[in-house]
Amino acid sequence: MTTDDDATLVRRCLRGEDEAIHLLVGRFQTEVFGLCVRLLNHRHDAEDVTQEVFLRVFRSLRRWDCQRPLKPWIMGIAVNRCRTWLTQRTRRPELVNYLQDTLPGPAADDSTELLQEIQCALGELRLEYRTAFVLFHEQGQPYEEIAQVMGRPVGTIKTWLHRARLEILERLRRRGMVPADNEEHPTAPLPKNGREES
């Protein structure tokens, strides 16, 4: 989608065209929701925040710079709403999901256990590192777009990704999931679904 297409869609939304509003939400909802789930680690919170994101998007459409792509602007709003939500969540007690904690799950093989460890490690990262990691590794966004979303230089994004990988790798080593004696490549990046790092 080009910036011109984005601008046309936004103009239609600003005129109140229902079809355009549904089109805009439909175009970005999956990615916004996916990002929110990964950053908040809670599906119901992610649903609430996704709704807040689109309310904020429609309230702020007039301020969007039509010379820039729409997607990074919307994803930036999503990151900010997640950050706000996490700040508010730390101030209120969490509800414990007793059913999930007490029911036995299926026996996990090594790959399932490794994925669970990676998810746990990801959840412990600083929000900035986790956001950059999810946008790059799970959503396949390029460095430049992540930099726009997060309002930081590309170099900072690369540094955050590197640190996120190191912290995840260190946790995996501590938990015995990867050999500690493999010092030949201590900063080897995690796989990115077949994409080569630029």
Protein backbone atom coordinates (compact mmCIF):
# COMPACT_ATOMS: atom_id res chain seq x y z
CA MET A 1 0.00 0.00 0.00
CA THR A 2 1.38 3.39 -0.96
CA THR A 3 1.23 6.60 1.02
CA ASP A 4 -1.21 7.94 -1.59
CA ASP A 5 -3.54 4.97 -0.97
CA ASP A 6 -3.23 5.57 2.78
CA ALA A 7 -4.06 9.25 2.32
CA THR A 8 -7.13 8.43 0.23
CA LEU A 9 -8.34 5.94 2.84
CA VAL A 10 -7.81 8.44 5.66
CA ARG A 11 -9.69 11.17 3.77
CA ARG A 12 -12.61 8.78 3.29
CA CYS A 13 -12.53 7.91 7.01
CA LEU A 14 -12.52 11.60 7.93
CA ARG A 15 -15.62 12.07 5.75
CA GLY A 16 -17.29 9.38 7.88
CA GLU A 17 -17.55 6.67 5.23
CA ASP A 18 -18.37 3.44 7.06
CA GLU A 19 -16.79 1.28 4.37
CA ALA A 20 -13.47 3.14 4.69
CA ILE A 21 -13.53 2.88 8.48
CA HIS A 22 -14.10 -0.88 8.29
CA LEU A 23 -11.38 -1.17 5.66
CA LEU A 24 -8.85 0.68 7.81
CA VAL A 25 -9.61 -1.45 10.88
CA GLY A 26 -9.58 -4.63 8.81
CA ARG A 27 -6.25 -3.77 7.24
CA PHE A 28 -4.41 -3.23 10.54
CA GLN A 29 -6.41 -5.06 13.23
CA THR A 30 -4.58 -8.40 12.99
CA GLU A 31 -1.13 -6.83 13.29
CA VAL A 32 -2.18 -4.45 16.08
CA PHE A 33 -3.83 -7.25 18.04
CA GLY A 34 -0.85 -9.57 17.50
CA LEU A 35 1.53 -6.91 18.76
CA CYS A 36 -0.65 -6.21 21.79
CA VAL A 37 -0.89 -9.92 22.67
CA ARG A 38 2.88 -10.28 22.51
CA LEU A 39 3.61 -7.15 24.53
CA LEU A 40 0.92 -7.64 27.17
CA ASN A 41 1.06 -11.45 27.40
CA HIS A 42 -2.68 -11.50 28.02
CA ARG A 43 -5.31 -12.03 25.34
CA HIS A 44 -8.18 -10.17 27.04
CA ASP A 45 -5.99 -7.16 27.82
CA ALA A 46 -4.82 -7.20 24.19
CA GLU A 47 -8.44 -7.13 22.98
CA ASP A 48 -9.17 -4.12 25.18
CA VAL A 49 -6.01 -2.30 24.13
CA THR A 50 -6.63 -3.04 20.43
CA GLN A 51 -10.02 -1.34 20.74
CA GLU A 52 -8.38 1.61 22.50
CA VAL A 53 -5.78 1.83 19.73
CA PHE A 54 -8.41 2.19 17.01
CA LEU A 55 -10.40 4.69 19.06
CA ARG A 56 -7.19 6.71 19.42
CA VAL A 57 -6.41 6.31 15.70
CA PHE A 58 -9.80 7.67 14.66
CA ARG A 59 -9.60 10.54 17.16
CA SER A 60 -6.14 11.48 15.86
CA LEU A 61 -6.49 10.89 12.10
CA ARG A 62 -6.39 14.61 11.34
CA ARG A 63 -2.90 14.77 12.90
CA TRP A 64 -1.46 11.96 10.77
CA ASP A 65 1.24 13.22 8.36
CA CYS A 66 0.04 12.09 4.93
CA GLN A 67 3.63 12.19 3.64
CA ARG A 68 4.48 9.21 5.86
CA PRO A 69 3.16 5.63 5.78
CA LEU A 70 0.10 4.95 7.91
CA LYS A 71 1.15 1.58 9.33
CA PRO A 72 4.11 2.77 11.45
CA TRP A 73 1.97 5.57 12.84
CA ILE A 74 -0.76 3.13 13.89
CA MET A 75 1.76 0.64 15.29
CA GLY A 76 3.35 3.48 17.27
CA ILE A 77 -0.02 4.24 18.84
CA ALA A 78 -0.34 0.53 19.68
CA VAL A 79 3.08 0.47 21.37
CA ASN A 80 2.21 3.58 23.39
CA ARG A 81 -1.17 2.18 24.48
CA CYS A 82 0.52 -1.08 25.55
CA ARG A 83 3.11 0.88 27.52
CA THR A 84 0.34 2.83 29.27
CA TRP A 85 -1.63 -0.35 29.95
CA LEU A 86 1.40 -2.08 31.46
CA THR A 87 2.05 0.91 33.71
CA GLN A 88 -1.55 0.86 34.92
CA ARG A 89 -1.53 -2.92 35.31
CA THR A 90 1.44 -2.79 37.68
CA ARG A 91 -0.62 -0.54 39.94
CA ARG A 92 -3.55 -2.95 40.25
CA PRO A 93 -3.42 -6.55 41.48
CA GLU A 94 -3.44 -9.29 38.87
CA LEU A 95 -6.24 -11.86 38.81
CA VAL A 96 -4.77 -15.33 39.05
CA ASN A 97 -6.08 -17.87 36.58
CA TYR A 98 -6.38 -20.80 39.01
CA LEU A 99 -7.80 -23.18 36.45
CA GLN A 100 -4.78 -22.81 34.19
CA ASP A 101 -2.40 -23.22 37.14
CA THR A 102 -4.06 -26.38 38.50
CA LEU A 103 -4.92 -28.38 35.38
CA PRO A 104 -2.15 -30.67 34.14
CA GLY A 105 -1.05 -29.98 30.59
CA PRO A 106 0.12 -32.43 27.96
CA ALA A 107 3.66 -33.72 28.23
CA ALA A 108 5.97 -31.29 26.47
CA ASP A 109 8.69 -32.36 24.10
CA ASP A 110 11.98 -30.47 23.90
CA SER A 111 10.84 -28.07 21.17
CA THR A 112 7.72 -27.14 23.13
CA GLU A 113 9.80 -26.61 26.24
CA LEU A 114 12.28 -24.47 24.30
CA LEU A 115 9.46 -22.34 22.88
CA GLN A 116 8.01 -21.91 26.38
CA GLU A 117 11.41 -20.83 27.69
CA ILE A 118 11.81 -18.33 24.87
CA GLN A 119 8.33 -16.96 25.61
CA CYS A 120 9.16 -16.64 29.31
CA ALA A 121 12.45 -14.93 28.49
CA LEU A 122 10.66 -12.58 26.11
CA GLY A 123 8.17 -11.69 28.83
CA GLU A 124 11.01 -10.70 31.17
CA LEU A 125 12.69 -8.33 28.70
CA ARG A 126 12.41 -4.57 29.03
CA LEU A 127 9.38 -3.37 27.07
CA GLU A 128 11.57 -1.65 24.46
CA TYR A 129 13.59 -4.81 23.80
CA ARG A 130 10.46 -6.98 23.68
CA THR A 131 8.69 -4.58 21.32
CA ALA A 132 11.63 -4.43 18.91
CA PHE A 133 12.02 -8.23 19.07
CA VAL A 134 8.34 -8.91 18.35
CA LEU A 135 8.14 -6.37 15.53
CA PHE A 136 11.29 -7.74 13.88
CA HIS A 137 11.18 -11.49 14.49
CA GLU A 138 7.45 -12.16 14.65
CA GLN A 139 5.95 -9.49 12.42
CA GLY A 140 8.87 -9.30 9.99
CA GLN A 141 9.08 -5.52 9.97
CA PRO A 142 12.31 -3.92 8.70
CA TYR A 143 14.55 -1.88 11.00
CA GLU A 144 13.44 1.41 9.45
CA GLU A 145 9.75 0.75 10.08
CA ILE A 146 10.41 -0.37 13.65
CA ALA A 147 12.39 2.84 14.18
CA GLN A 148 9.38 4.87 12.99
CA VAL A 149 6.98 2.91 15.20
CA MET A 150 9.15 3.31 18.28
CA GLY A 151 10.36 6.84 17.54
CA ARG A 152 14.03 5.87 17.82
CA PRO A 153 16.99 5.77 15.42
CA VAL A 154 17.67 2.57 13.47
CA GLY A 155 20.93 2.08 15.40
CA THR A 156 19.03 2.02 18.69
CA ILE A 157 16.63 -0.58 17.30
CA LYS A 158 19.54 -2.78 16.22
CA THR A 159 21.12 -2.42 19.66
CA TRP A 160 17.85 -3.32 21.41
CA LEU A 161 17.43 -6.39 19.18
CA HIS A 162 20.99 -7.48 19.90
CA ARG A 163 20.50 -7.07 23.65
CA ALA A 164 17.16 -8.89 23.53
CA ARG A 165 18.79 -11.84 21.75
CA LEU A 166 21.64 -11.89 24.26
CA GLU A 167 19.28 -11.83 27.25
CA ILE A 168 17.12 -14.61 25.78
CA LEU A 169 20.21 -16.68 24.97
CA GLU A 170 21.58 -16.16 28.49
CA ARG A 171 18.32 -17.33 30.03
CA LEU A 172 18.32 -20.40 27.80
CA ARG A 173 21.88 -21.16 28.91
CA ARG A 174 21.02 -20.73 32.60
CA ARG A 175 18.06 -23.08 32.19
CA GLY A 176 20.20 -25.66 30.36
CA MET A 177 18.30 -25.30 27.08
CA VAL A 178 21.45 -24.47 25.08
CA PRO A 179 25.00 -25.56 25.88
CA ALA A 180 26.94 -23.08 28.02
CA ASP A 181 30.22 -24.21 26.46
CA ASN A 182 29.25 -22.99 22.98
CA GLU A 183 31.36 -19.83 23.15
CA GLU A 184 32.31 -19.83 19.46
CA HIS A 185 29.16 -17.84 18.62
CA PRO A 186 27.99 -16.27 21.91
CA THR A 187 25.90 -13.66 20.11
CA ALA A 188 24.39 -15.83 17.38
CA PRO A 189 20.96 -14.43 16.53
CA LEU A 190 17.81 -16.45 17.01
CA PRO A 191 16.15 -17.68 13.78
CA LYS A 192 13.88 -15.19 12.04
CA ASN A 193 11.61 -17.49 10.07
CA GLY A 194 14.14 -17.95 7.28
CA ARG A 195 14.95 -14.27 6.73
CA GLU A 196 18.53 -13.11 6.65
CA GLU A 197 19.48 -10.15 8.82
CA SER A 198 20.47 -7.05 6.87
